[in-house]
Amino acid sequence: MSASIFFILVGPAGSGKTTVRKHLLETFRGSLSVCVTATSRAPRPGEVDGVSYHFLTRDDFVQRIQQGDFVEWQETHGNLYGTLKKTLEDARSSGQDLVFDIDIRGALFFRAHFPESTVVLFLVPPTATELVARLRARGGSEEEIRTRLKTAEGEYSIFHANQSAIDYLVVNNDLPNTVAEVEAVVRAERLRCCRHSPERRAELCSLKDSQSGEE
């Protein structure tokens, strides 16, 4: 097989990215792993360092930026988030595909720098009203909800300006159906001809070494 595939889930808070990612990891256990990103924010209750995120202080994060340790990084809601080079190197050495839950700006970076490996899925609720309802259901202050809605507005704006860089637009109206659709994308992308090396294609699509000895 060729290099790892980067399945990047993007979309506003409340679109279901985290839940879909969890189902993908369960379904494709052993061949798909999560890209654990780094962040400068403090852990929330229940989050585990190295599993939820690589938690760094802001000073450490900035120092690692200066050292060139990140493939990409962004600042969102006042916190730094980024993808470490070592995460990609480890996935490729183990032959695993990766699933990402990152900012759309990070997804566009991967699209530009790893075009053959990157598959971008933009998840959205069916309506703006539903988006607001989901954010309210998650709790938080009105100010936090307004901040997330402003971020969503920015993400939608970036989407409209970069639609050619988005591979799939997934409307999360019914979770089981959404999960099935995204799983189908993973399976289909793995079957693309380009995912196999030229040598493997030549081996598979040949009558050499047949019992008759003929081509």
Foldseek 3Di string as FASTA:
>chain_A
DAFAAEEEEEAFPLLCQVVLVVLVCVVPPPAEDEQAKEKQDDDDPPDDDPHNHPHDHPVVVVVCVVVVQFPDWDAAPNMIITGGPVSRVVCRVSNHHYYYYDYVVVLVSCCVVVVLRYAYEYGDEPDPVSSLVSVVVVPDDPVVSVSSVVSNVVSVVVCVVPVVSHHYYQHPHDPVVSSVVVSVVVVVSCPDPVVDDPVVVDVVPDCDPPPVRDD
